[in-house]
């Protein structure tokens, strides 16, 4: 019997940094304790000065992009954050927050639970990122021609809503009027840019076919016009929607479990294919 020798262990020929390095935040230690800060600077700006002279929107923009926004940029971002502060009770992420609240989940976990759902590709952060990449890829194309081509080439699902492109499509079988109205308001602001206008033209070609703006598409367009990279889209969308998710979850946190609907047996349907894979007993 032969004994195999274990493979030789090779050390990685790399050197890690001794401490994290950031250009975002600087802390000046106190004389008494090097782990406590007596002064903090965000991108070089003193935090207390920002507190006295700037808005939350200004500091958020500064934190993520490294510079303070112009007045019209701050106005556009604030309008977007108000417009989509709450995804609404029909959104899967909001329902997750409501179920977590009524289910006696620790209130500290309501927001993480719902944000996990909001990170997905259906009306979530994943779709925002995809929409931003869609805009970047097709920015030089004629929006009307592209819309016509997508409608011809795409294969709509047999059932459920169809998103003809990330951030655009139908909801509950129709065009969602709120994102379209919000987009019309935002495109009229001085801070709006080419992406939002391109998206508006794209939508005009889609409307006769039953498709329109989705919240994810509006947010994606504004993020790009404000200078945010695609990798920031999902997190920004979660940030914007989180107050509404938290509010709905907390609203039900002290309610009995009967405050949320429960699917009865009459409407509890198991897919025939699933029945073949596993025996289910109801009752």
Foldseek 3Di string as FASTA:
>chain_A
DDDDDDDDDDDDPDDDDPDDDDLAKDFDADPVDRVDGPWMDGLNHTPVVCVVPHDPLQSVCCNQPVHGDDPLLSVLVVLLLVLQQAVDCVDPLLVQLQLCQQVLNDLVCSLVRSLVVQLDCPVHQVLLLQLLVVCVVCVPPQLLVVLVVLVVPDDADPDDWGASGRQKTAHPQAEDVSVVVSLVVSCPGPLADSLSVSQNSNQVNCVVVGMHGRSSNSQSRSCVSSPHHSVCRRVVSSVSHSVNSSVSNNVNNPPHSVVDDDDDPVRDDDDPVVCVVDPDDDD
